[in-house]
C-alpha atoms as a PDB file:
ATOM      1  CA  MET A   1     114.885  89.595  76.286  1.00  0.00           C
ATOM      2  CA  GLU A   2     118.753  90.967  75.518  1.00  0.00           C
ATOM      3  CA  ASN A   3     119.924  93.657  77.791  1.00  0.00           C
ATOM      4  CA  PHE A   4     116.951  93.308  80.295  1.00  0.00           C
ATOM      5  CA  LYS A   5     118.588  94.830  83.018  1.00  0.00           C
ATOM      6  CA  GLU A   6     120.235  97.812  81.280  1.00  0.00           C
ATOM      7  CA  LYS A   7     116.756  98.445  79.612  1.00  0.00           C
ATOM      8  CA  TYR A   8     115.060  98.598  83.295  1.00  0.00           C
ATOM      9  CA  GLU A   9     117.475 101.113  84.531  1.00  0.00           C
ATOM     10  CA  GLU A  10     116.653 103.053  81.854  1.00  0.00           C
ATOM     11  CA  VAL A  11     112.955 103.269  82.399  1.00  0.00           C
ATOM     12  CA  THR A  12     113.191 103.302  86.314  1.00  0.00           C
ATOM     13  CA  LYS A  13     115.911 106.455  85.714  1.00  0.00           C
ATOM     14  CA  LEU A  14     113.375 108.391  83.264  1.00  0.00           C
ATOM     15  CA  TYR A  15     110.796 108.027  85.541  1.00  0.00           C
ATOM     16  CA  GLN A  16     112.670 109.206  88.643  1.00  0.00           C
ATOM     17  CA  GLU A  17     113.930 111.904  86.449  1.00  0.00           C
ATOM     18  CA  HIS A  18     109.896 112.651  85.993  1.00  0.00           C
ATOM     19  CA  GLN A  19     110.372 111.983  82.392  1.00  0.00           C
ATOM     20  CA  PHE A  20     107.276 110.435  82.313  1.00  0.00           C
ATOM     21  CA  ARG A  21     106.036 110.624  78.983  1.00  0.00           C
ATOM     22  CA  ARG A  22     109.269 108.991  77.734  1.00  0.00           C
ATOM     23  CA  ALA A  23     109.368 106.327  80.152  1.00  0.00           C
ATOM     24  CA  LEU A  24     105.786 105.017  79.251  1.00  0.00           C
ATOM     25  CA  ASP A  25     106.696 105.136  75.628  1.00  0.00           C
ATOM     26  CA  ARG A  26     110.045 102.822  76.486  1.00  0.00           C
ATOM     27  CA  SER A  27     107.852 100.559  79.328  1.00  0.00           C
ATOM     28  CA  ASN A  28     105.546 100.023  76.222  1.00  0.00           C
ATOM     29  CA  GLN A  29     107.993  99.403  73.502  1.00  0.00           C
ATOM     30  CA  TYR A  30     110.009  96.880  75.733  1.00  0.00           C
ATOM     31  CA  TRP A  31     106.976  94.940  76.533  1.00  0.00           C
ATOM     32  CA  HIS A  32     106.085  94.759  72.949  1.00  0.00           C
ATOM     33  CA  GLN A  33     109.530  92.919  72.204  1.00  0.00           C
ATOM     34  CA  PRO A  34     108.989  89.117  71.052  1.00  0.00           C
ATOM     35  CA  ASP A  35     111.836  87.802  73.071  1.00  0.00           C
ATOM     36  CA  ALA A  36     109.970  89.256  76.433  1.00  0.00           C
ATOM     37  CA  LEU A  37     109.645  86.716  78.869  1.00  0.00           C
ATOM     38  CA  PRO A  38     106.424  86.904  80.979  1.00  0.00           C
ATOM     39  CA  ARG A  39     108.305  87.931  84.080  1.00  0.00           C
ATOM     40  CA  GLU A  40     109.904  90.985  82.092  1.00  0.00           C
ATOM     41  CA  GLN A  41     106.772  92.026  80.528  1.00  0.00           C
ATOM     42  CA  ALA A  42     105.287  92.445  83.646  1.00  0.00           C
ATOM     43  CA  VAL A  43     108.168  94.148  85.052  1.00  0.00           C
ATOM     44  CA  PHE A  44     107.447  97.055  82.260  1.00  0.00           C
ATOM     45  CA  TYR A  45     103.778  96.940  82.689  1.00  0.00           C
ATOM     46  CA  GLU A  46     104.332  97.682  86.346  1.00  0.00           C
ATOM     47  CA  GLN A  47     106.908 100.958  84.908  1.00  0.00           C
ATOM     48  CA  HIS A  48     104.153 101.276  81.956  1.00  0.00           C
ATOM     49  CA  ALA A  49     101.294 101.256  84.962  1.00  0.00           C
ATOM     50  CA  LEU A  50     103.654 104.463  87.283  1.00  0.00           C
ATOM     51  CA  ASN A  51     104.147 106.370  84.505  1.00  0.00           C
ATOM     52  CA  ALA A  52     100.301 106.160  83.236  1.00  0.00           C
ATOM     53  CA  ALA A  53      99.492 107.271  86.769  1.00  0.00           C
ATOM     54  CA  ALA A  54     101.909 110.319  86.999  1.00  0.00           C
ATOM     55  CA  LEU A  55     100.686 111.415  84.033  1.00  0.00           C
ATOM     56  CA  GLY A  56      96.850 111.207  85.262  1.00  0.00           C
ATOM     57  CA  ASP A  57      95.763 107.697  83.093  1.00  0.00           C
ATOM     58  CA  ILE A  58      94.549 106.133  86.042  1.00  0.00           C
ATOM     59  CA  GLN A  59      92.595 104.016  83.680  1.00  0.00           C
ATOM     60  CA  LEU A  60      95.765 102.627  81.691  1.00  0.00           C
ATOM     61  CA  ALA A  61      97.591 101.983  85.303  1.00  0.00           C
ATOM     62  CA  VAL A  62      94.633  99.680  85.811  1.00  0.00           C
ATOM     63  CA  ASP A  63      94.727  98.449  82.726  1.00  0.00           C
ATOM     64  CA  ASP A  64      98.694  97.853  83.514  1.00  0.00           C
ATOM     65  CA  TYR A  65      97.892  96.117  86.862  1.00  0.00           C
ATOM     66  CA  ALA A  66      95.804  93.810  85.763  1.00  0.00           C
ATOM     67  CA  ARG A  67      97.948  92.824  82.789  1.00  0.00           C
ATOM     68  CA  MET A  68     100.649  92.424  85.564  1.00  0.00           C
ATOM     69  CA  ALA A  69      98.579  90.364  88.043  1.00  0.00           C
ATOM     70  CA  ILE A  70      97.856  87.614  84.879  1.00  0.00           C
ATOM     71  CA  ARG A  71     100.985  87.751  83.014  1.00  0.00           C
ATOM     72  CA  THR A  72     103.700  87.205  86.112  1.00  0.00           C
ATOM     73  CA  GLU A  73     104.556  83.579  87.155  1.00  0.00           C
ATOM     74  CA  ASN A  74     105.229  84.293  90.781  1.00  0.00           C
ATOM     75  CA  ILE A  75     102.179  84.236  93.379  1.00  0.00           C
ATOM     76  CA  HIS A  76     103.628  86.983  95.676  1.00  0.00           C
ATOM     77  CA  HIS A  77     104.259  89.475  92.274  1.00  0.00           C
ATOM     78  CA  GLN A  78     100.959  88.687  91.137  1.00  0.00           C
ATOM     79  CA  GLN A  79      99.563  89.631  94.799  1.00  0.00           C
ATOM     80  CA  LEU A  80     101.712  93.031  94.198  1.00  0.00           C
ATOM     81  CA  ALA A  81     100.039  93.656  91.204  1.00  0.00           C
ATOM     82  CA  TYR A  82      96.456  93.012  92.248  1.00  0.00           C
ATOM     83  CA  SER A  83      97.065  95.190  94.934  1.00  0.00           C
ATOM     84  CA  ASN A  84      98.570  98.093  93.017  1.00  0.00           C
ATOM     85  CA  TYR A  85      95.105  97.300  90.680  1.00  0.00           C
ATOM     86  CA  LEU A  86      92.528  97.439  93.787  1.00  0.00           C
ATOM     87  CA  PHE A  87      94.243 100.608  94.904  1.00  0.00           C
ATOM     88  CA  MET A  88      93.975 102.798  91.479  1.00  0.00           C
ATOM     89  CA  ASN A  89      90.622 101.055  91.294  1.00  0.00           C
ATOM     90  CA  HIS A  90      89.636 103.845  93.822  1.00  0.00           C
ATOM     91  CA  TYR A  91      90.215 107.033  91.897  1.00  0.00           C
ATOM     92  CA  ILE A  92      87.310 105.937  89.165  1.00  0.00           C
ATOM     93  CA  PRO A  93      84.208 106.820  89.852  1.00  0.00           C
ATOM     94  CA  LYS A  94      82.169 104.366  87.324  1.00  0.00           C
ATOM     95  CA  VAL A  95      83.547 101.086  89.435  1.00  0.00           C
ATOM     96  CA  LYS A  96      82.481 102.376  93.026  1.00  0.00           C
ATOM     97  CA  ASN A  97      79.648  99.689  92.646  1.00  0.00           C
ATOM     98  CA  GLU A  98      81.787  96.971  91.746  1.00  0.00           C
ATOM     99  CA  LEU A  99      84.543  97.755  94.258  1.00  0.00           C
ATOM    100  CA  GLN A 100      83.059  95.122  97.169  1.00  0.00           C
ATOM    101  CA  GLN A 101      83.558  92.175  94.809  1.00  0.00           C
ATOM    102  CA  LYS A 102      86.930  93.256  93.696  1.00  0.00           C
ATOM    103  CA  HIS A 103      88.527  93.215  96.974  1.00  0.00           C
ATOM    104  CA  PHE A 104      86.570  89.811  98.026  1.00  0.00           C
ATOM    105  CA  ALA A 105      88.608  88.407  94.729  1.00  0.00           C
ATOM    106  CA  TYR A 106      92.078  89.145  96.435  1.00  0.00           C
ATOM    107  CA  ASN A 107      91.677  86.208  98.760  1.00  0.00           C
ATOM    108  CA  CYS A 108      91.830  83.763  95.464  1.00  0.00           C
ATOM    109  CA  PHE A 109      95.457  84.657  96.064  1.00  0.00           C
ATOM    110  CA  PHE A 110      95.631  82.590  99.769  1.00  0.00           C
ATOM    111  CA  ALA A 111      94.080  79.238  98.736  1.00  0.00           C
ATOM    112  CA  ASP A 112      96.976  77.356  99.241  1.00  0.00           C
ATOM    113  CA  VAL A 113      98.092  79.622 102.571  1.00  0.00           C
ATOM    114  CA  LYS A 114      98.466  77.878 105.336  1.00  0.00           C
ATOM    115  CA  GLN A 115      97.207  79.513 108.439  1.00  0.00           C
ATOM    116  CA  PHE A 116      99.102  79.769 111.658  1.00  0.00           C
ATOM    117  CA  GLN A 117      97.194  78.245 114.478  1.00  0.00           C
ATOM    118  CA  HIS A 118      96.077  79.581 117.968  1.00  0.00           C
ATOM    119  CA  PHE A 119      95.307  79.253 121.270  1.00  0.00           C
ATOM    120  CA  VAL A 120      93.027  81.480 124.144  1.00  0.00           C
ATOM    121  CA  PRO A 121      96.239  82.365 126.970  1.00  0.00           C
ATOM    122  CA  ALA A 122      95.417  81.961 130.483  1.00  0.00           C
ATOM    123  CA  ALA A 123      93.692  85.398 131.752  1.00  0.00           C
ATOM    124  CA  ASN A 124      95.965  87.912 133.234  1.00  0.00           C
ATOM    125  CA  LYS A 125      99.128  86.039 132.487  1.00  0.00           C
ATOM    126  CA  ARG A 126     100.764  89.047 130.995  1.00  0.00           C
ATOM    127  CA  LYS A 127      99.768  92.007 129.456  1.00  0.00           C
ATOM    128  CA  LEU A 128      98.670  92.177 126.002  1.00  0.00           C
ATOM    129  CA  ARG A 129     101.152  92.294 123.494  1.00  0.00           C
ATOM    130  CA  ILE A 130      99.862  94.429 119.923  1.00  0.00           C
ATOM    131  CA  GLY A 131     101.775  94.725 117.170  1.00  0.00           C
ATOM    132  CA  TYR A 132     101.645  97.467 114.258  1.00  0.00           C
ATOM    133  CA  ILE A 133     102.556  95.922 110.590  1.00  0.00           C
ATOM    134  CA  SER A 134     103.638  99.132 108.014  1.00  0.00           C
ATOM    135  CA  THR A 135     105.467 100.221 105.679  1.00  0.00           C
ATOM    136  CA  ASP A 136     105.501 104.002 106.284  1.00  0.00           C
ATOM    137  CA  PHE A 137     107.416 104.254 109.727  1.00  0.00           C
ATOM    138  CA  ARG A 138     109.115 106.809 108.947  1.00  0.00           C
ATOM    139  CA  GLU A 139     108.704 110.635 107.591  1.00  0.00           C
ATOM    140  CA  HIS A 140     104.688 110.221 105.831  1.00  0.00           C
ATOM    141  CA  ILE A 141     101.547 111.274 106.301  1.00  0.00           C
ATOM    142  CA  VAL A 142     100.362 107.842 108.067  1.00  0.00           C
ATOM    143  CA  THR A 143     102.947 107.926 110.706  1.00  0.00           C
ATOM    144  CA  ASN A 144     101.152 111.731 111.552  1.00  0.00           C
ATOM    145  CA  PHE A 145      97.809 109.806 112.420  1.00  0.00           C
ATOM    146  CA  SER A 146      99.726 106.759 114.267  1.00  0.00           C
ATOM    147  CA  ILE A 147     102.111 108.303 116.386  1.00  0.00           C
ATOM    148  CA  GLN A 148     100.200 108.523 119.835  1.00  0.00           C
ATOM    149  CA  LEU A 149      99.163 104.690 119.367  1.00  0.00           C
ATOM    150  CA  LEU A 150     102.812 104.324 119.916  1.00  0.00           C
ATOM    151  CA  ALA A 151     103.504 107.332 122.224  1.00  0.00           C
ATOM    152  CA  ALA A 152     100.677 107.135 124.491  1.00  0.00           C
ATOM    153  CA  TYR A 153     100.197 103.370 125.499  1.00  0.00           C
ATOM    154  CA  ASN A 154      99.189 102.266 129.100  1.00  0.00           C
ATOM    155  CA  ARG A 155     102.881 100.882 129.860  1.00  0.00           C
ATOM    156  CA  SER A 156     101.320  99.011 132.799  1.00  0.00           C
ATOM    157  CA  ARG A 157      98.417  96.519 130.425  1.00  0.00           C
ATOM    158  CA  TYR A 158     100.038  96.634 126.789  1.00  0.00           C
ATOM    159  CA  GLU A 159     103.150  95.830 125.036  1.00  0.00           C
ATOM    160  CA  VAL A 160     103.587  97.635 121.806  1.00  0.00           C
ATOM    161  CA  TYR A 161     105.923  95.917 118.982  1.00  0.00           C
ATOM    162  CA  CYS A 162     106.604  97.085 115.722  1.00  0.00           C
ATOM    163  CA  TYR A 163     107.336  95.548 112.620  1.00  0.00           C
ATOM    164  CA  SER A 164     108.682  97.190 109.614  1.00  0.00           C
ATOM    165  CA  MET A 165     108.692  96.804 105.766  1.00  0.00           C
ATOM    166  CA  LEU A 166     111.254  99.512 105.200  1.00  0.00           C
ATOM    167  CA  ALA A 167     113.903  99.291 103.123  1.00  0.00           C
ATOM    168  CA  GLN A 168     115.558 102.788 104.319  1.00  0.00           C
ATOM    169  CA  GLU A 169     115.091 104.033 107.453  1.00  0.00           C
ATOM    170  CA  ASP A 170     115.067 108.246 108.203  1.00  0.00           C
ATOM    171  CA  GLN A 171     115.136 109.976 111.384  1.00  0.00           C
ATOM    172  CA  VAL A 172     111.275 109.774 112.247  1.00  0.00           C
ATOM    173  CA  THR A 173     112.242 105.958 111.926  1.00  0.00           C
ATOM    174  CA  HIS A 174     114.884 105.884 115.061  1.00  0.00           C
ATOM    175  CA  GLN A 175     112.631 108.458 116.955  1.00  0.00           C
ATOM    176  CA  LEU A 176     109.780 105.394 116.449  1.00  0.00           C
ATOM    177  CA  ARG A 177     111.485 103.209 117.666  1.00  0.00           C
ATOM    178  CA  SER A 178     112.472 104.645 120.733  1.00  0.00           C
ATOM    179  CA  LEU A 179     108.771 104.712 121.730  1.00  0.00           C
ATOM    180  CA  VAL A 180     107.993 100.533 121.666  1.00  0.00           C
ATOM    181  CA  ASP A 181     108.784  97.556 123.498  1.00  0.00           C
ATOM    182  CA  GLY A 182     110.315  96.073 120.353  1.00  0.00           C
ATOM    183  CA  TRP A 183     110.733  96.743 116.998  1.00  0.00           C
ATOM    184  CA  CYS A 184     111.531  94.159 113.875  1.00  0.00           C
ATOM    185  CA  MET A 185     112.684  95.026 110.598  1.00  0.00           C
ATOM    186  CA  LEU A 186     111.145  92.432 108.244  1.00  0.00           C
ATOM    187  CA  GLU A 187     112.352  93.869 105.109  1.00  0.00           C
ATOM    188  CA  LYS A 188     114.818  90.676 104.447  1.00  0.00           C
ATOM    189  CA  LEU A 189     112.741  87.690 105.154  1.00  0.00           C
ATOM    190  CA  ASP A 190     111.049  86.004 103.198  1.00  0.00           C
ATOM    191  CA  TRP A 191     107.252  86.394 103.377  1.00  0.00           C
ATOM    192  CA  GLU A 192     106.066  83.183 105.393  1.00  0.00           C
ATOM    193  CA  GLU A 193     109.164  83.953 107.727  1.00  0.00           C
ATOM    194  CA  LYS A 194     107.815  87.487 108.467  1.00  0.00           C
ATOM    195  CA  ALA A 195     104.319  86.157 109.189  1.00  0.00           C
ATOM    196  CA  LYS A 196     106.436  83.300 111.704  1.00  0.00           C
ATOM    197  CA  ARG A 197     108.226  86.044 113.878  1.00  0.00           C
ATOM    198  CA  ILE A 198     105.141  88.004 114.441  1.00  0.00           C
ATOM    199  CA  TYR A 199     103.612  84.876 115.521  1.00  0.00           C
ATOM    200  CA  GLU A 200     106.421  83.960 117.804  1.00  0.00           C
ATOM    201  CA  ASP A 201     106.705  86.905 119.245  1.00  0.00           C
ATOM    202  CA  GLY A 202     102.710  86.078 120.732  1.00  0.00           C
ATOM    203  CA  ILE A 203     101.113  89.177 119.460  1.00  0.00           C
ATOM    204  CA  ASP A 204      97.208  88.955 120.569  1.00  0.00           C
ATOM    205  CA  ILE A 205      96.582  92.034 118.049  1.00  0.00           C
ATOM    206  CA  LEU A 206      97.625  92.931 114.991  1.00  0.00           C
ATOM    207  CA  PHE A 207      97.091  96.197 113.060  1.00  0.00           C
ATOM    208  CA  ASP A 208      98.300  96.572 109.531  1.00  0.00           C
ATOM    209  CA  LEU A 209      98.738 100.194 108.918  1.00  0.00           C
ATOM    210  CA  SER A 210      99.281 100.320 105.274  1.00  0.00           C
ATOM    211  CA  GLY A 211      96.533  97.578 103.654  1.00  0.00           C
ATOM    212  CA  HIS A 212      96.726  97.229  99.855  1.00  0.00           C
ATOM    213  CA  SER A 213      98.809 100.560  99.551  1.00  0.00           C
ATOM    214  CA  ASP A 214     102.846  99.508  98.649  1.00  0.00           C
ATOM    215  CA  GLY A 215     101.462  97.103  96.757  1.00  0.00           C
ATOM    216  CA  GLY A 216      99.671  95.174  99.712  1.00  0.00           C
ATOM    217  CA  GLN A 217     103.206  93.854 101.271  1.00  0.00           C
ATOM    218  CA  THR A 218     101.412  94.035 104.669  1.00  0.00           C
ATOM    219  CA  LEU A 219      98.311  91.910 103.153  1.00  0.00           C
ATOM    220  CA  ILE A 220     100.646  89.333 102.306  1.00  0.00           C
ATOM    221  CA  VAL A 221     101.661  89.036 105.783  1.00  0.00           C
ATOM    222  CA  CYS A 222      98.488  89.211 107.512  1.00  0.00           C
ATOM    223  CA  GLY A 223      97.253  86.534 105.129  1.00  0.00           C
ATOM    224  CA  TYR A 224      99.166  83.842 107.089  1.00  0.00           C
ATOM    225  CA  LYS A 225      96.856  84.955 110.619  1.00  0.00           C
ATOM    226  CA  PRO A 226     100.457  85.525 112.482  1.00  0.00           C
ATOM    227  CA  ALA A 227      97.925  87.182 115.729  1.00  0.00           C
ATOM    228  CA  PRO A 228      94.585  85.743 116.817  1.00  0.00           C
ATOM    229  CA  ILE A 229      93.006  89.169 116.252  1.00  0.00           C
ATOM    230  CA  GLN A 230      93.882  91.247 112.857  1.00  0.00           C
ATOM    231  CA  VAL A 231      93.137  94.630 112.411  1.00  0.00           C
ATOM    232  CA  CYS A 232      93.320  96.913 109.119  1.00  0.00           C
ATOM    233  CA  GLY A 233      93.463 100.879 108.641  1.00  0.00           C
ATOM    234  CA  ILE A 234      94.831 104.169 108.922  1.00  0.00           C
ATOM    235  CA  GLY A 235      96.771 103.700 105.780  1.00  0.00           C
ATOM    236  CA  TRP A 236      93.865 101.783 104.561  1.00  0.00           C
ATOM    237  CA  PHE A 237      90.630 103.145 103.282  1.00  0.00           C
ATOM    238  CA  ASN A 238      88.643 100.468 102.503  1.00  0.00           C
ATOM    239  CA  THR A 239      87.506  96.897 103.475  1.00  0.00           C
ATOM    240  CA  THR A 240      91.128  94.647 102.075  1.00  0.00           C
ATOM    241  CA  GLY A 241      88.777  91.919 101.268  1.00  0.00           C
ATOM    242  CA  LEU A 242      90.718  89.688 102.925  1.00  0.00           C
ATOM    243  CA  LYS A 243      88.970  87.078 105.514  1.00  0.00           C
ATOM    244  CA  ALA A 244      92.269  87.229 107.727  1.00  0.00           C
ATOM    245  CA  MET A 245      91.361  90.458 108.654  1.00  0.00           C
ATOM    246  CA  ASP A 246      89.191  90.448 111.486  1.00  0.00           C
ATOM    247  CA  TYR A 247      88.269  94.491 111.755  1.00  0.00           C
ATOM    248  CA  PHE A 248      88.519  97.623 110.076  1.00  0.00           C
ATOM    249  CA  LEU A 249      89.196 100.705 111.860  1.00  0.00           C
ATOM    250  CA  THR A 250      87.330 103.621 109.962  1.00  0.00           C
ATOM    251  CA  ASP A 251      85.332 106.779 110.676  1.00  0.00           C
ATOM    252  CA  GLN A 252      82.056 108.353 109.537  1.00  0.00           C
ATOM    253  CA  TYR A 253      84.175 109.727 107.176  1.00  0.00           C
ATOM    254  CA  CYS A 254      86.419 106.920 105.198  1.00  0.00           C
ATOM    255  CA  SER A 255      83.039 104.685 105.440  1.00  0.00           C
ATOM    256  CA  PRO A 256      79.559 107.356 105.334  1.00  0.00           C
ATOM    257  CA  ILE A 257      76.632 106.491 106.549  1.00  0.00           C
ATOM    258  CA  GLY A 258      74.372 104.988 103.556  1.00  0.00           C
END
């Protein structure tokens, strides 16, 4: 597509300025251009979805993310689009009974992923090492619910490591960093290297605080099974559908009986 970068920046700026209708129209115009490559179309599908959601048209956003997952050629971009697709589906009541199968279908993106192998360590050899991975180690509602996990653990029995997927930190990030035994910024590593870093740290239990939110970035890492036990919760409110995830932390409000 001619002048792709300028067109992308134009749509992004309109979104940032809350000119959602204009951004929606521009995205629609650009993805229909005859010279648009599939990967360029996928970018404008995503922009279209963001603005559709901002305008309250959730079904349109769902359709856009579905198109993006099909049109993009990069497997990780497909994963990100499908996670956004799952996220948006929660706001459409009529698909409630289909959600479980939609989540289980997420596993098809990991068919070629080689998972790390784990061995049972000798009993009482060291403290249990717990890792938390998140896109929200900052001023965010997830931090309000999870901060005590980082601040009030028994330091004689556990070590806590945090793996941040943030591009930018804030003052809350610095506060959280001071609470734990280890902190690692994963943002600049590729997906397999992110998982390898967690694996090499010898994490016993990895807690994913984000799930499919923020494009499911943390789940892509968890798909490599960098820890022998993996749990998701707090920042996600349903099954991840990922076979590599062993447990889901929930309650009677998030998962009502019946």
